[in-house]
């Protein structure tokens, strides 16, 4: 089954409202699914959520970046299984997104944890930084704020 995790075609094909609920058909098997804001899987398959930033630049000058911090809505972890310790994966590009560095993982907040911050350090220097954050755990994902420190 192709899914958002593999980067393949999404299963949804036709969207309609039925009984005041948004529904989609599955292009491959004809199943009908209800779209729900509190559903974090596609019929049991985790949904990858990904966000890439604009290029962070300093007027064509090389600069150092020591810290990136993202505040996520916390206390979103599941009781057990995948999502019990939800993680955010960060990759950094120093060439406008043509190539990406290693995956850097940080927790975003287990069940019961409040105000979790995902913090990454020591990015070195470059003329430009682009950040890509990816989360595949089946949990609610809300980025509340981000901050960088040069």
Protein backbone atom coordinates (compact mmCIF):
# COMPACT_ATOMS: atom_id res chain seq x y z
CA UNK A 1 0.00 0.00 0.00
CA UNK A 2 1.45 3.36 -1.03
CA UNK A 3 1.16 6.07 1.55
CA UNK A 4 2.41 9.47 2.52
CA UNK A 5 5.38 7.83 4.27
CA UNK A 6 6.78 6.32 1.10
CA UNK A 7 6.41 9.53 -0.86
CA UNK A 8 4.07 7.84 -3.32
CA UNK A 9 0.62 8.86 -4.51
CA UNK A 10 -1.84 9.61 -1.73
CA UNK A 11 -4.74 7.18 -1.53
CA UNK A 12 -7.49 9.82 -1.62
CA UNK A 13 -9.08 10.38 -5.03
CA UNK A 14 -12.55 11.90 -4.86
CA UNK A 15 -13.75 14.07 -1.99
CA UNK A 16 -17.38 14.72 -1.13
CA UNK A 17 -19.58 15.60 1.83
CA UNK A 18 -21.91 12.85 2.99
CA UNK A 19 -24.05 13.16 6.11
CA UNK A 20 -22.26 16.44 6.94
CA UNK A 21 -18.84 14.76 7.04
CA UNK A 22 -15.99 15.02 4.50
CA UNK A 23 -15.37 11.69 2.79
CA UNK A 24 -12.79 10.49 0.28
CA UNK A 25 -12.63 7.44 -1.91
CA UNK A 26 -9.53 5.26 -2.16
CA UNK A 27 -8.23 5.25 -5.75
CA UNK A 28 -7.04 1.65 -5.50
CA UNK A 29 -9.73 -0.30 -3.66
CA UNK A 30 -12.81 1.95 -3.68
CA UNK A 31 -13.05 2.18 0.12
CA UNK A 32 -14.64 5.33 1.51
CA UNK A 33 -12.93 7.08 4.43
CA UNK A 34 -14.06 9.91 6.69
CA UNK A 35 -11.61 12.79 7.02
CA UNK A 36 -11.30 13.68 10.69
CA UNK A 37 -9.13 16.36 12.31
CA UNK A 38 -8.16 13.97 15.12
CA UNK A 39 -7.08 11.11 12.80
CA UNK A 40 -3.31 10.83 12.55
CA UNK A 41 -3.09 7.80 10.25
CA UNK A 42 -4.36 6.90 6.80
CA UNK A 43 -6.42 3.82 7.67
CA UNK A 44 -3.69 2.68 10.09
CA UNK A 45 -0.66 3.86 8.08
CA UNK A 46 1.22 6.78 9.68
CA UNK A 47 1.00 10.12 7.89
CA UNK A 48 4.26 11.98 7.35
CA UNK A 49 4.03 15.69 8.14
CA UNK A 50 6.83 17.76 6.70
CA UNK A 51 7.66 21.46 6.64
CA UNK A 52 10.56 23.16 4.89
CA UNK A 53 11.58 26.69 5.75
CA UNK A 54 12.53 29.52 3.49
CA UNK A 55 16.24 30.13 3.15
CA UNK A 56 17.69 31.95 6.14
CA UNK A 57 20.26 34.43 4.80
CA UNK A 58 22.18 37.48 5.98
CA UNK A 59 22.46 39.67 2.90
CA UNK A 60 24.93 37.48 1.04
CA UNK A 61 27.32 37.27 3.97
CA UNK A 62 28.49 34.08 5.63
CA UNK A 63 27.18 33.67 9.18
CA UNK A 64 27.14 31.13 11.99
CA UNK A 65 24.06 29.50 13.43
CA UNK A 66 24.38 27.92 16.85
CA UNK A 67 20.80 26.98 17.81
CA UNK A 68 17.40 26.17 16.31
CA UNK A 69 14.52 25.72 18.73
CA UNK A 70 10.95 24.68 17.87
CA UNK A 71 8.21 24.74 20.46
CA UNK A 72 5.65 22.03 19.71
CA UNK A 73 2.28 21.55 21.35
CA UNK A 74 3.29 18.94 23.90
CA UNK A 75 1.52 16.22 25.86
CA UNK A 76 0.53 14.62 22.54
CA UNK A 77 2.23 11.24 22.92
CA UNK A 78 0.30 8.00 22.92
CA UNK A 79 0.11 5.64 25.90
CA UNK A 80 2.16 2.96 24.09
CA UNK A 81 3.49 1.93 20.69
CA UNK A 82 4.63 4.23 17.91
CA UNK A 83 3.92 7.75 19.11
CA UNK A 84 4.52 7.09 22.82
CA UNK A 85 7.74 9.14 22.53
CA UNK A 86 7.01 11.32 19.47
CA UNK A 87 10.05 12.66 17.63
CA UNK A 88 10.81 15.43 15.15
CA UNK A 89 13.50 14.85 12.56
CA UNK A 90 15.45 17.84 11.27
CA UNK A 91 17.62 18.04 8.18
CA UNK A 92 19.61 21.12 7.22
CA UNK A 93 20.68 22.31 3.79
CA UNK A 94 23.42 24.86 3.28
CA UNK A 95 22.95 25.04 -0.50
CA UNK A 96 19.33 26.13 -0.94
CA UNK A 97 17.85 22.65 -0.60
CA UNK A 98 19.95 20.89 -3.25
CA UNK A 99 21.52 18.57 -0.66
CA UNK A 100 20.61 17.77 2.93
CA UNK A 101 22.60 16.83 6.02
CA UNK A 102 22.07 13.90 8.37
CA UNK A 103 18.78 13.33 10.17
CA UNK A 104 18.84 14.90 13.63
CA UNK A 105 16.11 13.55 15.95
CA UNK A 106 14.59 15.28 19.00
CA UNK A 107 11.56 14.41 21.20
CA UNK A 108 8.49 16.66 20.99
CA UNK A 109 6.62 15.67 24.15
CA UNK A 110 5.46 12.43 25.71
CA UNK A 111 2.05 12.12 27.30
CA UNK A 112 2.06 14.28 30.43
CA UNK A 113 5.04 16.42 29.41
CA UNK A 114 4.32 20.14 29.12
CA UNK A 115 6.13 22.81 27.11
CA UNK A 116 8.56 20.50 25.34
CA UNK A 117 11.07 22.23 23.12
CA UNK A 118 12.98 20.52 20.36
CA UNK A 119 16.43 22.11 20.30
CA UNK A 120 19.24 21.47 17.84
CA UNK A 121 22.75 22.90 18.17
CA UNK A 122 25.94 23.66 16.20
CA UNK A 123 25.06 24.18 12.57
CA UNK A 124 28.36 25.81 11.66
CA UNK A 125 28.49 28.63 9.15
CA UNK A 126 27.13 29.14 5.66
CA UNK A 127 25.68 31.77 3.35
CA UNK A 128 22.25 30.17 3.63
CA UNK A 129 20.38 27.66 5.79
CA UNK A 130 17.18 25.80 4.89
CA UNK A 131 15.48 23.58 7.50
CA UNK A 132 13.22 20.61 6.90
CA UNK A 133 11.26 19.14 9.83
CA UNK A 134 9.50 15.78 9.44
CA UNK A 135 7.27 13.91 11.90
CA UNK A 136 5.86 10.46 11.20
CA UNK A 137 4.50 9.51 14.62
CA UNK A 138 0.68 9.18 14.65
CA UNK A 139 0.12 12.15 16.99
CA UNK A 140 -1.25 15.67 16.81
CA UNK A 141 1.46 17.99 15.46
CA UNK A 142 1.29 21.73 16.13
CA UNK A 143 4.34 23.96 15.81
CA UNK A 144 3.79 26.88 18.16
CA UNK A 145 6.93 28.91 17.50
CA UNK A 146 10.48 28.70 16.37
CA UNK A 147 13.55 30.72 17.12
CA UNK A 148 17.09 30.80 15.87
CA UNK A 149 20.19 32.18 17.49
CA UNK A 150 23.13 33.40 15.42
